[in-house]
Amino acid sequence: MPSRNPEDLTIPCLTHYLLFRKAMKEAGIEYILTCTKRTQEEQNLLYAQGRTKPGRKVTWTRKSKHIEGKAFDIAILVNGKICWNPSLDADADGVPEYTEAGKIGEAVGLTWGGRFKSPDAPHFEVA
């Protein structure tokens, strides 16, 4: 099972995560950490989902920075409930807090997955 422990991140990623956590608290955006480090086997299973295994596609790569401990994923909480519907477009329905979280992540030096070619709003990583 993938880790949710921030201490499983590399020191540079953990340092950025702690800055992110502080800034999110100051912004009043509630979230949970859903994934930090995962094994190659876990990544392969996620990649198979929606391809050779049932379910919707949740990743576009077998070479995730999660494997190296250089990435983490979050889920925004709205009224105490997880919301998986990011609003990356001002005209779209969804949770604008993902965009705010993305801006916070970028401000503390993280790369935000919401800007990827295939957007992944819950994802943050270091180089």
N, C-alpha and C. Protein backbone atom coordinates (compact mmCIF):
# COMPACT_ATOMS: atom_id res chain seq x y z
N MET A 1 0.86 -1.18 0.00
CA MET A 1 0.00 0.00 0.00
C MET A 1 0.90 1.25 0.00
N PRO A 2 0.62 2.21 -0.87
CA PRO A 2 1.43 3.43 -0.91
C PRO A 2 1.42 4.15 0.44
N SER A 3 2.50 4.85 0.69
CA SER A 3 2.64 5.58 1.95
C SER A 3 1.87 6.90 1.92
N ARG A 4 1.45 7.32 3.09
CA ARG A 4 0.88 8.66 3.29
C ARG A 4 1.74 9.44 4.28
N ASN A 5 2.89 8.89 4.63
CA ASN A 5 3.76 9.48 5.63
C ASN A 5 4.71 10.49 4.98
N PRO A 6 4.64 11.76 5.36
CA PRO A 6 5.54 12.74 4.76
C PRO A 6 7.01 12.44 5.02
N GLU A 7 7.30 11.70 6.08
CA GLU A 7 8.70 11.36 6.38
C GLU A 7 9.29 10.37 5.40
N ASP A 8 8.46 9.78 4.52
CA ASP A 8 8.96 8.90 3.47
C ASP A 8 9.43 9.68 2.25
N LEU A 9 9.21 10.99 2.26
CA LEU A 9 9.67 11.84 1.16
C LEU A 9 11.16 12.12 1.31
N THR A 10 11.82 12.45 0.20
CA THR A 10 13.22 12.87 0.28
C THR A 10 13.27 14.16 1.10
N ILE A 11 14.44 14.48 1.62
CA ILE A 11 14.58 15.70 2.43
C ILE A 11 14.15 16.94 1.64
N PRO A 12 14.58 17.12 0.37
CA PRO A 12 14.11 18.31 -0.35
C PRO A 12 12.59 18.35 -0.51
N CYS A 13 11.98 17.21 -0.80
CA CYS A 13 10.52 17.19 -0.98
C CYS A 13 9.83 17.41 0.36
N LEU A 14 10.33 16.81 1.42
CA LEU A 14 9.75 17.00 2.75
C LEU A 14 9.83 18.47 3.15
N THR A 15 10.95 19.11 2.89
CA THR A 15 11.13 20.52 3.22
C THR A 15 10.07 21.37 2.51
N HIS A 16 9.86 21.10 1.22
CA HIS A 16 8.84 21.84 0.47
C HIS A 16 7.44 21.50 0.96
N TYR A 17 7.21 20.21 1.29
CA TYR A 17 5.90 19.82 1.80
C TYR A 17 5.58 20.57 3.09
N LEU A 18 6.54 20.69 3.99
CA LEU A 18 6.29 21.38 5.26
C LEU A 18 5.94 22.86 5.03
N LEU A 19 6.60 23.49 4.07
CA LEU A 19 6.24 24.87 3.71
C LEU A 19 4.83 24.92 3.13
N PHE A 20 4.51 23.94 2.27
CA PHE A 20 3.19 23.84 1.66
C PHE A 20 2.13 23.67 2.75
N ARG A 21 2.37 22.75 3.68
CA ARG A 21 1.40 22.47 4.76
C ARG A 21 1.12 23.73 5.57
N LYS A 22 2.17 24.46 5.90
CA LYS A 22 2.02 25.70 6.67
C LYS A 22 1.20 26.74 5.90
N ALA A 23 1.52 26.92 4.62
CA ALA A 23 0.82 27.90 3.79
C ALA A 23 -0.65 27.50 3.58
N MET A 24 -0.92 26.21 3.42
CA MET A 24 -2.30 25.76 3.27
C MET A 24 -3.10 26.05 4.53
N LYS A 25 -2.48 25.82 5.68
CA LYS A 25 -3.17 26.09 6.95
C LYS A 25 -3.47 27.59 7.06
N GLU A 26 -2.47 28.41 6.72
CA GLU A 26 -2.67 29.86 6.77
C GLU A 26 -3.76 30.32 5.81
N ALA A 27 -3.90 29.63 4.68
CA ALA A 27 -4.94 29.97 3.70
C ALA A 27 -6.30 29.40 4.08
N GLY A 28 -6.34 28.55 5.09
CA GLY A 28 -7.60 27.96 5.52
C GLY A 28 -8.13 26.88 4.60
N ILE A 29 -7.22 26.24 3.84
CA ILE A 29 -7.63 25.17 2.92
C ILE A 29 -7.34 23.83 3.58
N GLU A 30 -8.41 23.09 3.85
CA GLU A 30 -8.25 21.78 4.47
C GLU A 30 -8.00 20.72 3.41
N TYR A 31 -7.12 19.78 3.74
CA TYR A 31 -6.80 18.70 2.82
C TYR A 31 -6.26 17.52 3.64
N ILE A 32 -6.15 16.38 2.97
CA ILE A 32 -5.45 15.24 3.54
C ILE A 32 -4.36 14.84 2.55
N LEU A 33 -3.32 14.26 3.08
CA LEU A 33 -2.25 13.71 2.27
C LEU A 33 -2.68 12.31 1.86
N THR A 34 -2.76 12.03 0.56
CA THR A 34 -3.25 10.74 0.11
C THR A 34 -2.15 9.80 -0.34
N CYS A 35 -0.99 10.35 -0.73
CA CYS A 35 0.10 9.48 -1.17
C CYS A 35 1.42 10.25 -1.12
N THR A 36 2.44 9.59 -0.60
CA THR A 36 3.79 10.14 -0.68
C THR A 36 4.59 9.17 -1.54
N LYS A 37 5.21 8.20 -0.93
CA LYS A 37 6.06 7.26 -1.68
C LYS A 37 5.29 6.00 -2.03
N ARG A 38 5.59 5.46 -3.22
CA ARG A 38 5.04 4.16 -3.61
C ARG A 38 6.13 3.37 -4.31
N THR A 39 5.97 2.07 -4.33
CA THR A 39 6.94 1.20 -4.99
C THR A 39 6.68 1.16 -6.50
N GLN A 40 7.64 0.63 -7.23
CA GLN A 40 7.44 0.46 -8.67
C GLN A 40 6.28 -0.49 -8.94
N GLU A 41 6.16 -1.52 -8.13
CA GLU A 41 5.05 -2.45 -8.28
C GLU A 41 3.70 -1.74 -8.10
N GLU A 42 3.60 -0.89 -7.08
CA GLU A 42 2.36 -0.14 -6.86
C GLU A 42 2.08 0.80 -8.04
N GLN A 43 3.13 1.42 -8.56
CA GLN A 43 2.95 2.31 -9.71
C GLN A 43 2.48 1.52 -10.93
N ASN A 44 3.06 0.35 -11.15
CA ASN A 44 2.64 -0.49 -12.27
C ASN A 44 1.16 -0.88 -12.16
N LEU A 45 0.71 -1.18 -10.95
CA LEU A 45 -0.70 -1.53 -10.74
C LEU A 45 -1.60 -0.33 -11.03
N LEU A 46 -1.19 0.86 -10.60
CA LEU A 46 -1.97 2.06 -10.91
C LEU A 46 -2.02 2.31 -12.41
N TYR A 47 -0.89 2.10 -13.07
CA TYR A 47 -0.83 2.32 -14.52
C TYR A 47 -1.75 1.33 -15.26
N ALA A 48 -1.85 0.12 -14.76
CA ALA A 48 -2.71 -0.89 -15.39
C ALA A 48 -4.19 -0.54 -15.27
N GLN A 49 -4.55 0.21 -14.22
CA GLN A 49 -5.95 0.57 -14.00
C GLN A 49 -6.46 1.39 -15.18
N GLY A 50 -7.58 0.95 -15.74
CA GLY A 50 -8.17 1.62 -16.89
C GLY A 50 -7.55 1.19 -18.21
N ARG A 51 -6.55 0.33 -18.13
CA ARG A 51 -5.92 -0.20 -19.34
C ARG A 51 -6.14 -1.71 -19.39
N THR A 52 -5.41 -2.44 -18.57
CA THR A 52 -5.56 -3.90 -18.54
C THR A 52 -6.33 -4.37 -17.32
N LYS A 53 -6.64 -3.45 -16.40
CA LYS A 53 -7.43 -3.76 -15.19
C LYS A 53 -8.65 -2.84 -15.17
N PRO A 54 -9.71 -3.24 -14.48
CA PRO A 54 -10.91 -2.40 -14.41
C PRO A 54 -10.65 -1.07 -13.70
N GLY A 55 -11.48 -0.10 -14.01
CA GLY A 55 -11.40 1.21 -13.36
C GLY A 55 -11.02 2.30 -14.34
N ARG A 56 -11.02 3.54 -13.83
CA ARG A 56 -10.64 4.66 -14.68
C ARG A 56 -9.15 4.90 -14.56
N LYS A 57 -8.58 5.45 -15.59
CA LYS A 57 -7.15 5.76 -15.57
C LYS A 57 -6.87 6.80 -14.49
N VAL A 58 -5.83 6.53 -13.69
CA VAL A 58 -5.47 7.46 -12.62
C VAL A 58 -4.03 7.94 -12.74
N THR A 59 -3.27 7.36 -13.66
CA THR A 59 -1.90 7.82 -13.89
C THR A 59 -1.56 7.66 -15.36
N TRP A 60 -0.62 8.45 -15.79
CA TRP A 60 -0.22 8.43 -17.20
C TRP A 60 1.21 7.95 -17.38
N THR A 61 1.82 7.49 -16.30
CA THR A 61 3.23 7.10 -16.38
C THR A 61 3.55 5.92 -15.48
N ARG A 62 4.57 5.19 -15.85
CA ARG A 62 5.13 4.15 -14.99
C ARG A 62 6.32 4.69 -14.21
N LYS A 63 6.76 5.89 -14.55
CA LYS A 63 7.98 6.46 -13.95
C LYS A 63 7.64 7.67 -13.07
N SER A 64 6.77 7.48 -12.12
CA SER A 64 6.32 8.56 -11.24
C SER A 64 7.41 8.98 -10.26
N LYS A 65 7.41 10.25 -9.94
CA LYS A 65 8.33 10.76 -8.90
C LYS A 65 7.96 10.23 -7.52
N HIS A 66 6.77 9.66 -7.39
CA HIS A 66 6.39 9.02 -6.12
C HIS A 66 7.35 7.88 -5.78
N ILE A 67 7.83 7.19 -6.78
CA ILE A 67 8.71 6.04 -6.57
C ILE A 67 10.00 6.49 -5.88
N GLU A 68 10.46 7.67 -6.21
CA GLU A 68 11.70 8.21 -5.64
C GLU A 68 11.46 8.99 -4.34
N GLY A 69 10.20 9.15 -3.95
CA GLY A 69 9.90 9.96 -2.76
C GLY A 69 9.98 11.45 -3.04
N LYS A 70 9.80 11.83 -4.31
CA LYS A 70 9.90 13.23 -4.71
C LYS A 70 8.55 13.83 -5.08
N ALA A 71 7.46 13.20 -4.63
CA ALA A 71 6.12 13.70 -4.97
C ALA A 71 5.13 13.32 -3.88
N PHE A 72 4.06 14.11 -3.81
CA PHE A 72 2.96 13.78 -2.91
C PHE A 72 1.66 14.21 -3.57
N ASP A 73 0.58 13.54 -3.16
CA ASP A 73 -0.76 13.86 -3.63
C ASP A 73 -1.61 14.27 -2.43
N ILE A 74 -2.58 15.13 -2.70
CA ILE A 74 -3.51 15.57 -1.66
C ILE A 74 -4.94 15.36 -2.14
N ALA A 75 -5.87 15.47 -1.21
CA ALA A 75 -7.29 15.56 -1.53
C ALA A 75 -7.84 16.72 -0.71
N ILE A 76 -8.51 17.63 -1.38
CA ILE A 76 -9.13 18.78 -0.72
C ILE A 76 -10.37 18.31 0.04
N LEU A 77 -10.54 18.86 1.23
CA LEU A 77 -11.74 18.58 2.02
C LEU A 77 -12.68 19.77 1.95
N VAL A 78 -13.92 19.51 1.63
CA VAL A 78 -14.96 20.54 1.62
C VAL A 78 -16.02 20.10 2.62
N ASN A 79 -16.21 20.92 3.64
CA ASN A 79 -17.12 20.58 4.74
C ASN A 79 -16.78 19.22 5.33
N GLY A 80 -15.47 18.94 5.44
CA GLY A 80 -15.01 17.70 6.05
C GLY A 80 -15.04 16.48 5.16
N LYS A 81 -15.45 16.65 3.90
CA LYS A 81 -15.55 15.51 2.98
C LYS A 81 -14.56 15.67 1.83
N ILE A 82 -13.97 14.55 1.42
CA ILE A 82 -13.03 14.57 0.30
C ILE A 82 -13.75 14.96 -0.98
N CYS A 83 -13.15 15.86 -1.73
CA CYS A 83 -13.70 16.25 -3.03
C CYS A 83 -12.64 15.98 -4.09
N TRP A 84 -12.97 15.15 -5.05
CA TRP A 84 -12.05 14.78 -6.12
C TRP A 84 -12.38 15.52 -7.41
N ASN A 85 -13.12 16.60 -7.35
CA ASN A 85 -13.54 17.30 -8.56
C ASN A 85 -12.84 18.65 -8.65
N PRO A 86 -11.57 18.67 -9.10
CA PRO A 86 -10.88 19.95 -9.17
C PRO A 86 -11.46 20.85 -10.25
N SER A 87 -11.48 22.13 -9.98
CA SER A 87 -11.90 23.12 -10.96
C SER A 87 -10.66 23.85 -11.43
N LEU A 88 -10.15 23.49 -12.61
CA LEU A 88 -8.96 24.13 -13.16
C LEU A 88 -9.34 25.20 -14.16
N ASP A 89 -10.64 25.34 -14.40
CA ASP A 89 -11.16 26.29 -15.37
C ASP A 89 -12.19 27.16 -14.63
N ALA A 90 -12.06 28.46 -14.75
CA ALA A 90 -12.94 29.38 -14.03
C ALA A 90 -14.42 29.15 -14.35
N ASP A 91 -14.71 28.60 -15.53
CA ASP A 91 -16.10 28.38 -15.92
C ASP A 91 -16.61 26.98 -15.58
N ALA A 92 -15.73 26.13 -15.05
CA ALA A 92 -16.13 24.75 -14.79
C ALA A 92 -16.65 24.59 -13.37
N ASP A 93 -17.53 23.61 -13.19
CA ASP A 93 -17.95 23.24 -11.85
C ASP A 93 -16.80 22.48 -11.20
N GLY A 94 -16.68 22.59 -9.92
CA GLY A 94 -15.63 21.87 -9.23
C GLY A 94 -15.12 22.64 -8.04
N VAL A 95 -14.00 22.23 -7.54
CA VAL A 95 -13.45 22.79 -6.32
C VAL A 95 -12.28 23.71 -6.65
N PRO A 96 -12.49 25.03 -6.54
CA PRO A 96 -11.41 25.97 -6.87
C PRO A 96 -10.23 25.89 -5.90
N GLU A 97 -10.43 25.25 -4.75
CA GLU A 97 -9.34 25.12 -3.79
C GLU A 97 -8.15 24.36 -4.36
N TYR A 98 -8.38 23.48 -5.34
CA TYR A 98 -7.25 22.79 -5.97
C TYR A 98 -6.36 23.79 -6.70
N THR A 99 -6.96 24.76 -7.36
CA THR A 99 -6.17 25.79 -8.03
C THR A 99 -5.43 26.63 -7.00
N GLU A 100 -6.09 26.97 -5.91
CA GLU A 100 -5.42 27.72 -4.85
C GLU A 100 -4.27 26.91 -4.26
N ALA A 101 -4.48 25.62 -4.04
CA ALA A 101 -3.42 24.75 -3.54
C ALA A 101 -2.26 24.71 -4.53
N GLY A 102 -2.59 24.67 -5.82
CA GLY A 102 -1.55 24.67 -6.84
C GLY A 102 -0.71 25.93 -6.78
N LYS A 103 -1.36 27.07 -6.61
CA LYS A 103 -0.63 28.34 -6.50
C LYS A 103 0.25 28.35 -5.26
N ILE A 104 -0.27 27.80 -4.17
CA ILE A 104 0.52 27.73 -2.93
C ILE A 104 1.73 26.82 -3.14
N GLY A 105 1.50 25.67 -3.74
CA GLY A 105 2.61 24.75 -4.01
C GLY A 105 3.69 25.39 -4.86
N GLU A 106 3.28 26.08 -5.91
CA GLU A 106 4.26 26.75 -6.78
C GLU A 106 4.99 27.85 -6.02
N ALA A 107 4.29 28.55 -5.14
CA ALA A 107 4.91 29.63 -4.38
C ALA A 107 5.99 29.13 -3.43
N VAL A 108 5.88 27.86 -3.00
CA VAL A 108 6.90 27.31 -2.11
C VAL A 108 7.93 26.47 -2.86
N GLY A 109 7.88 26.53 -4.20
CA GLY A 109 8.90 25.87 -5.01
C GLY A 109 8.58 24.49 -5.53
N LEU A 110 7.33 24.08 -5.42
CA LEU A 110 6.91 22.78 -5.95
C LEU A 110 6.44 22.91 -7.39
N THR A 111 6.50 21.83 -8.13
CA THR A 111 5.87 21.74 -9.44
C THR A 111 4.48 21.18 -9.21
N TRP A 112 3.46 21.85 -9.75
CA TRP A 112 2.07 21.43 -9.55
C TRP A 112 1.58 20.65 -10.75
N GLY A 113 1.00 19.49 -10.49
CA GLY A 113 0.47 18.64 -11.55
C GLY A 113 -0.70 19.24 -12.31
N GLY A 114 -1.33 20.26 -11.78
CA GLY A 114 -2.44 20.92 -12.49
C GLY A 114 -1.99 21.61 -13.76
N ARG A 115 -0.69 21.78 -13.92
CA ARG A 115 -0.16 22.41 -15.13
C ARG A 115 0.40 21.38 -16.13
N PHE A 116 0.31 20.10 -15.79
CA PHE A 116 0.78 19.06 -16.70
C PHE A 116 -0.08 19.02 -17.95
N LYS A 117 0.46 18.45 -19.02
CA LYS A 117 -0.30 18.29 -20.28
C LYS A 117 -1.62 17.54 -20.01
N SER A 118 -1.53 16.50 -19.20
CA SER A 118 -2.73 15.83 -18.68
C SER A 118 -2.82 16.24 -17.22
N PRO A 119 -3.61 17.29 -16.90
CA PRO A 119 -3.61 17.86 -15.54
C PRO A 119 -3.89 16.82 -14.45
N ASP A 120 -3.13 16.95 -13.37
CA ASP A 120 -3.25 16.10 -12.19
C ASP A 120 -3.24 17.02 -10.98
N ALA A 121 -4.37 17.67 -10.72
CA ALA A 121 -4.47 18.72 -9.71
C ALA A 121 -4.05 18.31 -8.30
N PRO A 122 -4.24 17.07 -7.87
CA PRO A 122 -3.84 16.71 -6.52
C PRO A 122 -2.33 16.48 -6.36
N HIS A 123 -1.56 16.53 -7.44
CA HIS A 123 -0.15 16.12 -7.44
C HIS A 123 0.82 17.29 -7.32
N PHE A 124 1.85 17.11 -6.48
CA PHE A 124 2.92 18.09 -6.30
C PHE A 124 4.24 17.32 -6.28
N GLU A 125 5.30 17.93 -6.86
CA GLU A 125 6.58 17.26 -6.88
C GLU A 125 7.74 18.24 -6.88
N VAL A 126 8.94 17.72 -6.59
CA VAL A 126 10.18 18.47 -6.71
C VAL A 126 10.99 17.89 -7.85
N ALA A 127 11.90 18.69 -8.36
CA ALA A 127 12.75 18.24 -9.48
C ALA A 127 13.70 17.16 -9.02
